[in-house]
Protein backbone atom coordinates (compact mmCIF):
# COMPACT_ATOMS: atom_id res chain seq x y z
CA UNK A 1 119.90 83.68 212.09
CA UNK A 2 118.92 82.56 208.59
CA UNK A 3 116.74 84.60 206.28
CA UNK A 4 113.87 82.12 206.74
CA UNK A 5 114.09 82.38 210.55
CA UNK A 6 114.27 86.17 210.35
CA UNK A 7 111.21 86.30 208.06
CA UNK A 8 109.26 83.91 210.28
CA UNK A 9 110.05 86.00 213.36
CA UNK A 10 108.74 89.15 211.65
CA UNK A 11 105.52 87.47 210.48
CA UNK A 12 104.87 85.91 213.91
CA UNK A 13 105.44 89.30 215.59
CA UNK A 14 102.96 90.96 213.24
CA UNK A 15 100.34 88.26 213.83
CA UNK A 16 100.85 88.48 217.58
CA UNK A 17 100.29 92.25 217.39
CA UNK A 18 97.03 91.77 215.49
CA UNK A 19 95.93 89.10 217.98
CA UNK A 20 96.54 91.55 220.85
CA UNK A 21 94.38 94.15 219.06
CA UNK A 22 91.55 91.61 218.67
CA UNK A 23 91.78 90.63 222.36
CA UNK A 24 91.60 94.30 223.37
CA UNK A 25 88.57 94.82 221.11
CA UNK A 26 86.74 91.91 222.74
CA UNK A 27 87.76 92.91 226.27
CA UNK A 28 86.45 96.39 225.56
CA UNK A 29 83.14 94.97 224.35
CA UNK A 30 82.68 92.46 227.17
CA UNK A 31 84.03 94.51 230.09
CA UNK A 32 83.11 98.00 228.83
CA UNK A 33 86.61 99.31 229.60
CA UNK A 34 85.85 103.04 229.02
CA UNK A 35 83.04 102.80 231.61
CA UNK A 36 85.16 100.93 234.17
CA UNK A 37 88.45 102.80 233.68
CA UNK A 38 87.43 106.31 232.64
CA UNK A 39 83.93 106.73 234.04
CA UNK A 40 82.29 106.99 230.61
CA UNK A 41 78.60 106.14 230.28
CA UNK A 42 77.91 102.38 230.26
CA UNK A 43 77.20 100.78 226.87
CA UNK A 44 75.42 97.50 226.18
CA UNK A 45 77.32 94.52 224.76
CA UNK A 46 77.07 94.46 220.96
CA UNK A 47 78.40 91.19 219.53
CA UNK A 48 77.70 92.16 215.92
CA UNK A 49 79.91 95.24 216.29
CA UNK A 50 82.73 93.13 217.78
CA UNK A 51 82.44 90.54 215.02
CA UNK A 52 82.56 93.32 212.41
CA UNK A 53 85.61 94.95 214.05
CA UNK A 54 87.34 91.56 214.36
CA UNK A 55 86.69 90.87 210.67
CA UNK A 56 88.20 94.23 209.69
CA UNK A 57 91.29 93.55 211.84
CA UNK A 58 91.67 90.05 210.34
CA UNK A 59 91.46 91.43 206.79
CA UNK A 60 94.11 94.03 207.67
CA UNK A 61 96.25 91.31 209.29
CA UNK A 62 96.03 89.23 206.11
CA UNK A 63 96.95 92.19 203.89
CA UNK A 64 99.86 93.32 206.07
CA UNK A 65 101.20 89.77 206.42
CA UNK A 66 100.90 89.14 202.68
CA UNK A 67 102.70 92.39 201.83
CA UNK A 68 105.39 91.72 204.43
CA UNK A 69 106.03 88.22 203.06
CA UNK A 70 106.18 89.61 199.52
CA UNK A 71 108.67 92.29 200.52
CA UNK A 72 110.77 89.90 202.61
CA UNK A 73 111.14 87.60 199.59
CA UNK A 74 112.60 90.55 197.64
CA UNK A 75 115.21 91.34 200.28
CA UNK A 76 118.57 89.96 199.34
CA UNK A 77 121.47 90.19 201.72
CA UNK A 78 124.96 88.87 202.05
CA UNK A 79 126.01 87.04 205.17
CA UNK A 80 128.57 84.51 206.24
CA UNK A 81 132.20 84.27 205.26
CA UNK A 82 133.22 85.14 201.71
CA UNK A 83 136.59 83.66 200.65
CA UNK A 84 138.44 86.47 198.88
CA UNK A 85 141.73 86.13 197.01
CA UNK A 86 144.28 88.29 198.78
CA UNK A 87 145.86 89.33 195.46
CA UNK A 88 143.11 89.90 192.89
CA UNK A 89 140.16 90.27 195.32
CA UNK A 90 137.99 87.73 193.47
CA UNK A 91 135.47 85.75 195.53
CA UNK A 92 135.26 81.95 195.49
CA UNK A 93 131.67 80.84 194.90
CA UNK A 94 130.70 77.33 193.83
CA UNK A 95 134.37 76.49 193.20
CA UNK A 96 134.71 79.39 190.74
CA UNK A 97 136.55 82.66 191.26
CA UNK A 98 134.30 85.61 190.46
CA UNK A 99 135.19 89.34 190.43
CA UNK A 100 133.86 90.97 193.60
CA UNK A 101 131.72 93.51 191.74
CA UNK A 102 130.01 90.75 189.70
CA UNK A 103 129.41 88.65 192.84
CA UNK A 104 127.82 91.52 194.75
CA UNK A 105 125.77 92.58 191.72
CA UNK A 106 124.46 89.00 191.33
CA UNK A 107 123.73 88.50 195.05
CA UNK A 108 122.26 91.88 195.98
CA UNK A 109 120.50 94.87 194.51
CA UNK A 110 123.73 96.90 194.63
CA UNK A 111 125.40 98.14 191.49
CA UNK A 112 128.93 99.44 190.99
CA UNK A 113 130.32 102.65 189.65
CA UNK A 114 134.07 102.90 189.27
CA UNK A 115 136.12 105.85 190.41
CA UNK A 116 139.68 106.58 191.54
CA UNK A 117 140.57 107.40 195.14
CA UNK A 118 143.12 110.18 195.80
CA UNK A 119 145.87 107.72 196.84
CA UNK A 120 145.54 105.63 193.67
CA UNK A 121 145.32 108.77 191.54
CA UNK A 122 148.60 109.97 193.01
CA UNK A 123 150.22 106.55 192.64
CA UNK A 124 149.08 105.84 189.07
CA UNK A 125 148.73 109.29 187.55
CA UNK A 126 151.27 111.32 189.49
CA UNK A 127 150.82 115.08 189.75
CA UNK A 128 148.32 115.27 186.89
CA UNK A 129 145.34 114.64 189.17
CA UNK A 130 146.92 116.02 192.36
CA UNK A 131 145.31 118.90 194.09
CA UNK A 132 147.39 122.00 194.63
CA UNK A 133 149.24 121.97 197.97
CA UNK A 134 147.06 124.81 199.27
CA UNK A 135 143.88 122.78 198.51
CA UNK A 136 145.16 119.68 200.32
CA UNK A 137 145.21 121.52 203.63
CA UNK A 138 141.57 122.57 203.46
CA UNK A 139 138.81 120.52 205.04
CA UNK A 140 135.92 120.02 202.70
């Protein structure tokens, strides 16, 4: 599913939800649902109240849909197949080979911080960064 299809599905779902709320408001006004279902006192039909409530729901629907569209435009995600060099781990994009950290930084909101894992520390730095044997056995 593409980002556009995903965004459209979310917006349509929101609008459908607001439409259901409006239908329930009008059914309540026309059929007096609390009276019929719960035995509450009967109330007269008030079209002005229903129009007012419908207007409020439509304004909220517009605001929610606008904010959702704005936020969905800001979402950046990676998908698909990324060709990665098996030696240097660069990614091919637009016929150029880009370091993986630069590619992800440019195509997402992620940022990188470099560190050294215990295996690489042992391989490249030897015993200098090794934990004592007694510490290796402990679960942290």
